[in-house]
Amino acid sequence: MLPKIYVEDIFNQKCAEGDSVELKGWVYNKRSSGKVKFLLVRDGTGTIQGVLFKGEASENAFSVFEGLNQETSVVVTGKLAKAPKAPGGWELQVSSVEQVGASVDYPITPKEHGPAFLLDHRHLWIRSKRQHAILRIRSEVVRASREFFDQQGFVGFDAPIFTPNACEGTTDLFEVDYFDEAKAYLSQSGQLYGEAGAFAFGKAYVFGPTFRAEKSKTRRHLTEFWMLEPEVAYMNIEETMSLAERMITHIVDSVLKNRARELETLERDVEILKKIKAPFARMSYDEASDILVKESKDGFKAGDSFGGGDETILASKNSAPTFIYGFPMNQKPFYTKEDPARPGYSLSCDLLAPEGYGEIIGGAQREDDEVKLLQKIKEHDLDEKVFSWYLDLRRFGSVPHAGFGVGIERCTAWISGVPHVRECIPFPRMLNRLSP
């Protein structure tokens, strides 16, 4: 029995020239050139060229070849040979081909398709070379993020998806019926529960899906996305920014090392990514406002929130991500701590990615005083009863603490050079998209 191998094993030099192997996958494309047949086979880890020569491949292999269509599943056997002109520098000199599952009239052809058509067929679109590369980079972003925090001694700490309360505001919640006619909400963030984790373990991180019923159609927004949110006891805002930039640097370095082939497929300018090194530039909200008053085309005034265009202007000042810190309190959620040295301003930060990708991280110190937190809960017209457990964190051994959230899809879009976050999650959920 021949050893079953994956295409990435071949490209990673785990096989030798002349090895006889068995490859299981799907037909990516095929063509003929005289008596020679070319069969591109993908197996989920990569795509390799198979070549059928007269006298080397069986007659049955040639017969099966004629009936193969795009995405027909196949088992191919043959010998490996180096081929500098072939994709990946290797080819499989085919001896036999077995069809496993037929594929007739595959809907996604090499011709151009519109976004709506491709999203309707997202379950098939993810097989394409570009989408395949993006989602493998996303997987590496997630792996590297967890690796970073695991290496720093953080505890992975799962937060519930059903919550009894809002985290950041009541206007963009998905409300669902719960038992006994109670109401629950799909989580906007795992952060509040992450704070409980930080008080229990010192440093913890939450990773999971979050939901926002914000009616936005921009290229940066999804209604369901994934967040990684670390929380650390005894951490201040400066330490928060330092932790965030070290994490981002680790992620970028990991993608450059482990997903170089995918970046090449996407034609990403890796020289830009290679320059992403800590420390990142820091700019106060007031400094950012001065720039926007002069350069924004949307009539920006000091005290305004930043729009997407404003973030692009600010991020363009540096080739690496830029921290904006010290936002007005009225722009931040109720749990954000006020800067004692600047009443009306918060101990908060946003990290803006360059090249027009905008905010990828939002962080802050959390209000650690029970009386002040209770006052803010009332000011935001929130139900004190459902926040009783959250107030307990301040009643029993409160300490200064801080954290941030990184959006996996936005981070993936920036690193990949992809213009829209809808391609950076397997099945995007948007304002007008709930299927497949």
Protein backbone atom coordinates (compact mmCIF):
# COMPACT_ATOMS: atom_id res chain seq x y z
CA MET A 1 0.00 0.00 0.00
CA LEU A 2 1.38 3.39 -0.99
CA PRO A 3 1.75 6.04 1.71
CA LYS A 4 -0.99 8.69 1.67
CA ILE A 5 0.57 12.12 1.61
CA TYR A 6 -0.63 15.70 1.49
CA VAL A 7 0.50 18.30 -1.02
CA GLU A 8 2.03 20.42 1.73
CA ASP A 9 4.21 17.41 2.70
CA ILE A 10 5.67 17.50 -0.81
CA PHE A 11 6.25 21.26 -0.79
CA ASN A 12 7.78 21.07 2.70
CA GLN A 13 10.35 18.52 1.53
CA LYS A 14 8.92 15.63 3.56
CA CYS A 15 9.00 13.49 0.42
CA ALA A 16 11.83 12.76 -1.99
CA GLU A 17 12.03 12.77 -5.76
CA GLY A 18 11.12 9.35 -7.12
CA ASP A 19 8.87 8.43 -4.17
CA SER A 20 5.72 6.56 -5.15
CA VAL A 21 2.77 8.11 -3.32
CA GLU A 22 -1.00 8.23 -3.18
CA LEU A 23 -2.80 11.59 -3.19
CA LYS A 24 -6.48 12.03 -2.34
CA GLY A 25 -8.25 15.22 -3.31
CA TRP A 26 -10.32 17.06 -5.90
CA VAL A 27 -9.79 18.16 -9.49
CA TYR A 28 -8.86 21.82 -9.63
CA ASN A 29 -8.37 21.93 -13.39
CA LYS A 30 -7.23 19.80 -16.30
CA ARG A 31 -5.85 20.28 -19.81
CA SER A 32 -4.29 18.33 -22.66
CA SER A 33 -1.21 18.99 -24.78
CA GLY A 34 -0.90 16.39 -27.50
CA LYS A 35 -0.37 12.99 -25.95
CA VAL A 36 0.30 14.47 -22.50
CA LYS A 37 -2.49 15.14 -20.01
CA PHE A 38 -2.19 17.61 -17.13
CA LEU A 39 -4.31 17.21 -14.00
CA LEU A 40 -4.24 19.83 -11.24
CA VAL A 41 -5.29 18.23 -7.95
CA ARG A 42 -5.98 20.07 -4.70
CA ASP A 43 -6.27 18.33 -1.35
CA GLY A 44 -6.94 21.17 1.07
CA THR A 45 -3.28 21.76 1.87
CA GLY A 46 -2.21 22.81 -1.63
CA THR A 47 -2.44 22.10 -5.33
CA ILE A 48 -0.06 19.96 -7.37
CA GLN A 49 0.24 19.20 -11.05
CA GLY A 50 -0.22 15.61 -12.13
CA VAL A 51 1.09 14.55 -15.54
CA LEU A 52 -0.15 11.54 -17.54
CA PHE A 53 2.37 10.24 -20.07
CA LYS A 54 1.57 7.53 -22.64
CA GLY A 55 3.25 4.31 -21.59
CA GLU A 56 3.59 5.40 -17.94
CA ALA A 57 -0.01 6.02 -16.90
CA SER A 58 -2.45 3.14 -17.29
CA GLU A 59 -4.99 3.13 -20.12
CA ASN A 60 -7.68 3.25 -17.44
CA ALA A 61 -6.14 6.44 -16.06
CA PHE A 62 -6.49 8.10 -19.49
CA SER A 63 -10.06 6.90 -19.71
CA VAL A 64 -10.95 8.21 -16.26
CA PHE A 65 -9.20 11.51 -17.05
CA GLU A 66 -11.60 12.22 -19.93
CA GLY A 67 -14.61 12.07 -17.61
CA LEU A 68 -13.20 14.30 -14.87
CA ASN A 69 -14.75 17.70 -14.20
CA GLN A 70 -13.89 20.55 -11.87
CA GLU A 71 -14.19 19.40 -8.23
CA THR A 72 -14.55 15.69 -9.05
CA SER A 73 -13.03 13.85 -6.09
CA VAL A 74 -10.16 11.53 -7.04
CA VAL A 75 -7.43 9.25 -5.74
CA VAL A 76 -4.22 9.64 -7.76
CA THR A 77 -1.05 7.56 -7.52
CA GLY A 78 2.32 8.13 -9.10
CA LYS A 79 5.95 9.14 -8.64
CA LEU A 80 7.15 12.53 -7.46
CA ALA A 81 9.44 14.56 -9.70
CA LYS A 82 10.94 18.00 -9.38
CA ALA A 83 9.54 20.40 -11.98
CA PRO A 84 10.69 24.02 -11.63
CA LYS A 85 7.97 25.31 -13.98
CA ALA A 86 5.12 23.52 -12.19
CA PRO A 87 3.19 25.10 -9.27
CA GLY A 88 5.28 24.58 -6.14
CA GLY A 89 8.21 23.19 -8.13
CA TRP A 90 6.96 19.58 -8.03
CA GLU A 91 4.75 17.36 -10.16
CA LEU A 92 3.24 13.90 -9.82
CA GLN A 93 3.94 11.54 -12.71
CA VAL A 94 0.60 9.74 -12.63
CA SER A 95 0.24 5.99 -12.91
CA SER A 96 -3.44 5.63 -11.95
CA VAL A 97 -6.53 7.77 -11.35
CA GLU A 98 -9.66 6.67 -9.51
CA GLN A 99 -12.83 8.75 -9.46
CA VAL A 100 -14.49 8.81 -6.04
CA GLY A 101 -17.35 11.31 -6.40
CA ALA A 102 -18.72 12.95 -9.54
CA SER A 103 -19.05 16.71 -10.02
CA VAL A 104 -21.38 17.95 -12.74
CA ASP A 105 -21.97 21.60 -13.68
CA TYR A 106 -19.92 23.03 -10.83
CA PRO A 107 -21.35 26.55 -10.47
CA ILE A 108 -18.16 28.51 -9.77
CA THR A 109 -16.24 28.57 -13.03
CA PRO A 110 -13.06 30.47 -13.99
CA LYS A 111 -15.18 33.32 -15.38
CA GLU A 112 -15.96 36.40 -13.29
CA HIS A 113 -18.80 36.14 -10.77
CA GLY A 114 -20.41 38.92 -8.74
CA PRO A 115 -20.08 39.11 -4.93
CA ALA A 116 -23.74 38.19 -4.33
CA PHE A 117 -23.44 35.03 -6.45
CA LEU A 118 -20.22 34.01 -4.72
CA LEU A 119 -21.67 34.63 -1.26
CA ASP A 120 -24.74 32.57 -2.18
CA HIS A 121 -22.29 29.76 -2.98
CA ARG A 122 -19.93 30.46 -0.10
CA HIS A 123 -19.90 26.76 0.84
CA LEU A 124 -18.21 26.13 -2.52
CA TRP A 125 -16.39 29.45 -2.92
CA ILE A 126 -14.11 28.59 0.02
CA ARG A 127 -12.55 25.89 -2.18
CA SER A 128 -11.07 28.50 -4.52
CA LYS A 129 -7.40 29.36 -4.38
CA ARG A 130 -7.83 32.90 -3.09
CA GLN A 131 -10.41 32.09 -0.42
CA HIS A 132 -8.38 29.08 0.60
CA ALA A 133 -5.34 31.32 1.17
CA ILE A 134 -7.30 33.90 3.16
CA LEU A 135 -8.85 31.35 5.50
CA ARG A 136 -5.55 29.59 6.10
CA ILE A 137 -4.07 32.95 7.08
CA ARG A 138 -7.06 33.50 9.38
CA SER A 139 -6.35 30.13 10.98
CA GLU A 140 -2.75 31.17 11.52
CA VAL A 141 -3.85 34.49 13.06
CA VAL A 142 -5.98 32.56 15.57
CA ARG A 143 -3.24 29.99 16.27
CA ALA A 144 -0.56 32.64 16.74
CA SER A 145 -2.82 34.74 18.99
CA ARG A 146 -3.47 31.81 21.30
CA GLU A 147 0.19 30.83 21.18
CA PHE A 148 1.25 34.33 22.25
CA PHE A 149 -1.01 34.41 25.28
CA ASP A 150 -0.31 30.81 26.23
CA GLN A 151 3.41 31.58 26.18
CA GLN A 152 2.77 34.63 28.39
CA GLY A 153 1.08 32.44 31.03
CA PHE A 154 -2.51 33.49 30.30
CA VAL A 155 -5.40 31.14 31.02
CA GLY A 156 -7.92 30.52 28.25
CA PHE A 157 -11.25 31.52 29.78
CA ASP A 158 -14.52 30.88 27.92
CA ALA A 159 -17.32 33.42 28.24
CA PRO A 160 -21.04 32.68 27.69
CA ILE A 161 -22.73 33.61 24.43
CA PHE A 162 -26.15 34.04 26.07
CA THR A 163 -25.95 37.01 28.43
CA PRO A 164 -28.53 38.79 30.62
CA ASN A 165 -27.17 42.24 29.88
CA ALA A 166 -25.53 44.55 27.40
CA CYS A 167 -21.78 45.02 27.47
CA GLU A 168 -21.19 48.14 25.39
CA GLY A 169 -24.64 49.53 24.66
CA THR A 170 -28.28 48.59 24.31
CA THR A 171 -28.92 49.73 20.75
CA ASP A 172 -27.08 47.01 18.86
CA LEU A 173 -28.12 43.85 20.72
CA PHE A 174 -29.61 40.67 19.31
CA GLU A 175 -32.43 39.82 21.70
CA VAL A 176 -33.62 36.21 21.97
CA ASP A 177 -36.35 34.47 23.91
CA TYR A 178 -35.06 32.43 26.82
CA PHE A 179 -36.90 30.05 29.16
CA ASP A 180 -39.95 31.15 31.20
CA GLU A 181 -40.46 34.18 28.94
CA ALA A 182 -37.15 35.69 30.00
CA LYS A 183 -35.03 37.70 27.58
CA ALA A 184 -31.39 37.02 26.79
CA TYR A 185 -28.93 38.68 24.44
CA LEU A 186 -26.24 37.35 22.14
CA SER A 187 -22.92 38.50 23.53
CA GLN A 188 -21.41 41.75 22.29
CA SER A 189 -18.15 40.86 23.98
CA GLY A 190 -16.70 38.39 26.44
CA GLN A 191 -14.84 41.18 28.22
CA LEU A 192 -16.94 41.51 31.38
CA TYR A 193 -16.53 37.81 32.04
CA GLY A 194 -12.86 38.10 31.13
CA GLU A 195 -12.51 40.56 34.01
CA ALA A 196 -13.80 37.87 36.36
CA GLY A 197 -11.16 35.56 34.86
CA ALA A 198 -8.43 38.13 35.47
CA PHE A 199 -9.44 38.48 39.13
CA ALA A 200 -9.36 34.69 39.49
CA PHE A 201 -6.19 33.89 37.51
CA GLY A 202 -4.32 37.19 37.28
CA LYS A 203 -4.33 37.12 33.47
CA ALA A 204 -6.86 35.44 31.22
CA TYR A 205 -8.10 35.65 27.66
CA VAL A 206 -11.51 35.05 26.13
CA PHE A 207 -11.84 33.86 22.55
CA GLY A 208 -15.16 33.41 20.84
CA PRO A 209 -17.90 34.82 18.61
CA THR A 210 -19.50 38.18 19.28
CA PHE A 211 -22.64 39.70 17.84
CA ARG A 212 -23.56 43.29 16.96
CA ALA A 213 -26.96 44.28 15.58
CA GLU A 214 -25.46 47.46 14.18
CA LYS A 215 -27.05 48.27 10.82
CA SER A 216 -23.82 48.96 9.01
CA LYS A 217 -22.88 47.98 5.47
CA THR A 218 -19.23 49.03 5.45
CA ARG A 219 -16.40 46.74 4.36
CA ARG A 220 -15.20 46.62 7.99
CA HIS A 221 -18.41 45.34 9.60
CA LEU A 222 -20.01 41.95 10.24
CA THR A 223 -22.95 41.16 12.52
CA GLU A 224 -21.14 38.06 13.79
CA PHE A 225 -17.39 38.06 14.22
CA TRP A 226 -14.68 36.61 16.44
CA MET A 227 -12.78 38.42 19.16
CA LEU A 228 -9.79 37.58 21.30
CA GLU A 229 -9.89 39.56 24.54
CA PRO A 230 -7.14 39.46 27.18
CA GLU A 231 -7.70 40.90 30.66
CA VAL A 232 -4.96 41.44 33.23
CA ALA A 233 -5.13 42.37 36.91
CA TYR A 234 -2.87 45.22 38.02
CA MET A 235 -2.32 46.36 34.41
CA ASN A 236 -2.53 50.01 33.34
CA ILE A 237 -3.18 51.57 29.94
CA GLU A 238 0.51 51.89 29.02
CA GLU A 239 1.07 48.21 29.76
CA THR A 240 -2.05 47.41 27.75
CA MET A 241 -0.63 49.09 24.67
CA SER A 242 2.69 47.31 25.14
CA LEU A 243 0.94 43.92 25.41
CA ALA A 244 -1.15 44.64 22.30
CA GLU A 245 1.79 45.67 20.12
CA ARG A 246 3.81 42.62 21.15
CA MET A 247 0.86 40.40 20.30
CA ILE A 248 0.38 41.99 16.86
CA THR A 249 4.09 41.71 16.10
CA HIS A 250 4.01 38.03 17.06
CA ILE A 251 1.00 37.39 14.80
CA VAL A 252 2.53 39.14 11.80
CA ASP A 253 5.85 37.33 12.22
CA SER A 254 4.01 33.99 12.47
CA VAL A 255 2.03 34.61 9.29
CA LEU A 256 5.18 35.65 7.42
CA LYS A 257 6.93 32.48 8.57
CA ASN A 258 4.13 29.92 8.25
CA ARG A 259 1.88 31.30 5.50
CA ALA A 260 4.35 32.73 2.98
CA ARG A 261 2.82 30.69 0.16
CA GLU A 262 -0.66 32.03 0.92
CA LEU A 263 0.60 35.62 1.06
CA GLU A 264 2.19 35.07 -2.35
CA THR A 265 -1.09 33.71 -3.71
CA LEU A 266 -2.81 36.91 -2.55
CA GLU A 267 0.03 39.02 -4.01
CA ARG A 268 0.46 40.67 -0.62
CA ASP A 269 3.39 43.08 -0.34
CA VAL A 270 5.28 41.27 2.42
CA GLU A 271 7.89 44.03 2.67
CA ILE A 272 5.22 46.15 4.35
CA LEU A 273 4.54 43.40 6.88
CA LYS A 274 8.23 42.84 7.57
CA LYS A 275 8.44 46.43 8.85
CA ILE A 276 5.80 45.83 11.54
CA LYS A 277 7.93 46.00 14.68
CA ALA A 278 7.22 47.21 18.21
CA PRO A 279 7.01 49.80 19.61
CA PHE A 280 4.21 51.35 17.57
CA ALA A 281 3.60 55.08 17.26
CA ARG A 282 1.35 56.67 19.89
CA MET A 283 -0.87 59.68 19.32
CA SER A 284 -3.24 61.32 21.80
CA TYR A 285 -6.86 61.95 20.86
CA ASP A 286 -6.15 65.70 20.98
CA GLU A 287 -3.20 65.36 18.59
CA ALA A 288 -5.34 63.23 16.29
CA SER A 289 -8.13 65.82 16.42
CA ASP A 290 -5.75 68.60 15.40
CA ILE A 291 -4.73 66.58 12.35
CA LEU A 292 -8.31 65.78 11.38
CA VAL A 293 -9.53 69.37 11.77
CA LYS A 294 -6.98 70.25 9.08
CA GLU A 295 -7.18 67.19 6.82
CA SER A 296 -10.61 65.57 7.16
CA LYS A 297 -13.02 66.21 4.31
CA ASP A 298 -16.04 65.46 6.51
CA GLY A 299 -15.94 68.59 8.66
CA PHE A 300 -14.37 66.94 11.71
CA LYS A 301 -14.55 68.96 14.95
CA ALA A 302 -12.70 68.36 18.20
CA GLY A 303 -14.74 66.00 20.34
CA ASP A 304 -16.18 64.06 17.40
CA SER A 305 -15.88 60.30 17.04
CA PHE A 306 -13.62 59.03 14.29
CA GLY A 307 -15.17 57.75 11.08
CA GLY A 308 -13.56 55.26 8.73
CA GLY A 309 -12.05 58.03 6.62
CA ASP A 310 -10.67 59.73 9.72
CA GLU A 311 -8.97 56.52 10.84
CA THR A 312 -7.41 56.13 7.40
CA ILE A 313 -5.94 59.65 7.59
CA LEU A 314 -4.48 59.05 11.05
CA ALA A 315 -3.07 55.61 10.22
CA SER A 316 -1.42 56.96 7.07
CA LYS A 317 1.04 58.90 9.21
CA ASN A 318 2.97 55.70 9.96
CA SER A 319 3.84 52.52 8.05
CA ALA A 320 3.10 50.38 11.12
CA PRO A 321 -0.09 50.40 13.26
CA THR A 322 -0.74 53.52 15.33
CA PHE A 323 -2.20 53.83 18.83
CA ILE A 324 -4.69 56.61 19.52
CA TYR A 325 -5.20 57.06 23.26
CA GLY A 326 -7.12 59.26 25.69
CA PHE A 327 -10.58 59.37 24.06
CA PRO A 328 -13.39 61.50 25.54
CA MET A 329 -15.40 59.55 28.12
CA ASN A 330 -18.64 60.00 26.16
CA GLN A 331 -17.18 57.92 23.31
CA LYS A 332 -16.40 54.88 25.45
CA PRO A 333 -18.51 52.21 27.21
CA PHE A 334 -19.70 52.59 30.79
CA TYR A 335 -16.97 50.39 32.29
CA THR A 336 -14.09 52.56 30.99
CA LYS A 337 -12.00 54.29 33.65
CA GLU A 338 -11.74 58.08 33.60
CA ASP A 339 -8.27 59.59 33.53
CA PRO A 340 -7.82 61.12 37.01
CA ALA A 341 -5.42 63.68 35.53
CA ARG A 342 -7.88 64.71 32.80
CA PRO A 343 -11.53 64.70 33.86
CA GLY A 344 -13.79 63.98 30.89
CA TYR A 345 -11.16 61.84 29.16
CA SER A 346 -10.65 58.11 29.43
CA LEU A 347 -7.76 55.73 29.96
CA SER A 348 -8.40 54.05 26.62
CA CYS A 349 -6.73 53.26 23.32
CA ASP A 350 -7.51 52.12 19.78
CA LEU A 351 -4.96 50.52 17.47
CA LEU A 352 -5.34 51.60 13.85
CA ALA A 353 -3.90 49.44 11.09
CA PRO A 354 -2.24 51.18 8.13
CA GLU A 355 -3.30 50.98 4.48
CA GLY A 356 -6.89 52.03 5.24
CA TYR A 357 -7.89 49.09 7.45
CA GLY A 358 -8.85 51.15 10.49
CA GLU A 359 -9.34 49.96 14.06
CA ILE A 360 -8.24 46.41 14.79
CA ILE A 361 -7.93 46.71 18.59
CA GLY A 362 -9.87 48.61 21.24
CA GLY A 363 -8.57 48.65 24.81
CA ALA A 364 -8.91 50.43 28.13
CA GLN A 365 -8.44 50.38 31.84
CA ARG A 366 -11.65 49.30 33.53
CA GLU A 367 -13.36 51.28 36.26
CA ASP A 368 -12.24 49.54 39.46
CA ASP A 369 -14.18 51.64 41.98
CA GLU A 370 -17.57 50.17 42.96
CA VAL A 371 -19.27 53.51 43.66
CA LYS A 372 -18.13 55.06 40.39
CA LEU A 373 -19.05 51.97 38.39
CA LEU A 374 -22.52 51.86 39.91
CA GLN A 375 -22.98 55.53 39.06
CA LYS A 376 -22.02 54.88 35.44
CA ILE A 377 -24.42 51.94 35.22
CA LYS A 378 -27.23 54.25 36.33
CA GLU A 379 -26.12 57.05 33.99
CA HIS A 380 -26.30 54.62 31.05
CA ASP A 381 -29.78 53.55 32.15
CA LEU A 382 -28.69 49.93 32.62
CA ASP A 383 -30.31 47.43 34.98
CA GLU A 384 -28.31 47.32 38.20
CA LYS A 385 -29.66 43.87 39.09
CA VAL A 386 -28.15 42.09 36.08
CA PHE A 387 -24.80 43.74 36.80
CA SER A 388 -24.74 42.67 40.44
CA TRP A 389 -22.18 39.96 39.73
CA TYR A 390 -20.01 42.46 37.84
CA LEU A 391 -20.14 44.88 40.78
CA ASP A 392 -19.06 42.01 43.05
CA LEU A 393 -15.67 42.12 41.31
CA ARG A 394 -15.25 45.61 42.80
CA ARG A 395 -16.69 44.66 46.20
CA PHE A 396 -14.34 41.78 46.88
CA GLY A 397 -10.70 42.74 46.36
CA SER A 398 -10.87 45.22 43.50
CA VAL A 399 -7.61 46.15 41.78
CA PRO A 400 -6.64 48.29 38.80
CA HIS A 401 -7.02 46.18 35.66
CA ALA A 402 -7.16 46.53 31.91
CA GLY A 403 -7.49 44.68 28.64
CA PHE A 404 -8.35 44.90 24.99
CA GLY A 405 -10.16 43.11 22.18
CA VAL A 406 -8.72 42.25 18.78
CA GLY A 407 -11.09 41.54 15.90
CA ILE A 408 -9.88 38.41 14.12
CA GLU A 409 -11.51 39.26 10.78
CA ARG A 410 -10.20 42.83 10.66
CA CYS A 411 -6.75 41.67 11.65
CA THR A 412 -6.86 38.96 8.98
CA ALA A 413 -8.05 41.41 6.32
CA TRP A 414 -5.19 43.80 7.05
CA ILE A 415 -2.46 41.16 7.12
CA SER A 416 -3.85 39.48 3.98
CA GLY A 417 -4.40 42.74 2.11
CA VAL A 418 -8.07 41.81 1.54
CA PRO A 419 -10.42 44.79 1.11
CA HIS A 420 -13.56 43.34 2.78
CA VAL A 421 -13.90 41.39 6.03
CA ARG A 422 -16.63 39.21 4.50
CA GLU A 423 -13.87 37.12 2.89
CA CYS A 424 -12.08 36.66 6.22
CA ILE A 425 -14.62 34.41 7.91
CA PRO A 426 -15.91 31.09 6.53
CA PHE A 427 -19.59 32.10 6.49
CA PRO A 428 -20.12 35.86 6.85
CA ARG A 429 -23.18 37.28 8.54
CA MET A 430 -24.02 40.80 7.44
CA LEU A 431 -27.01 43.12 7.45
CA ASN A 432 -28.58 41.37 4.46
CA ARG A 433 -26.81 38.02 4.64
CA LEU A 434 -27.92 35.07 6.79
CA SER A 435 -27.14 32.14 4.47
CA PRO A 436 -25.70 29.75 3.58
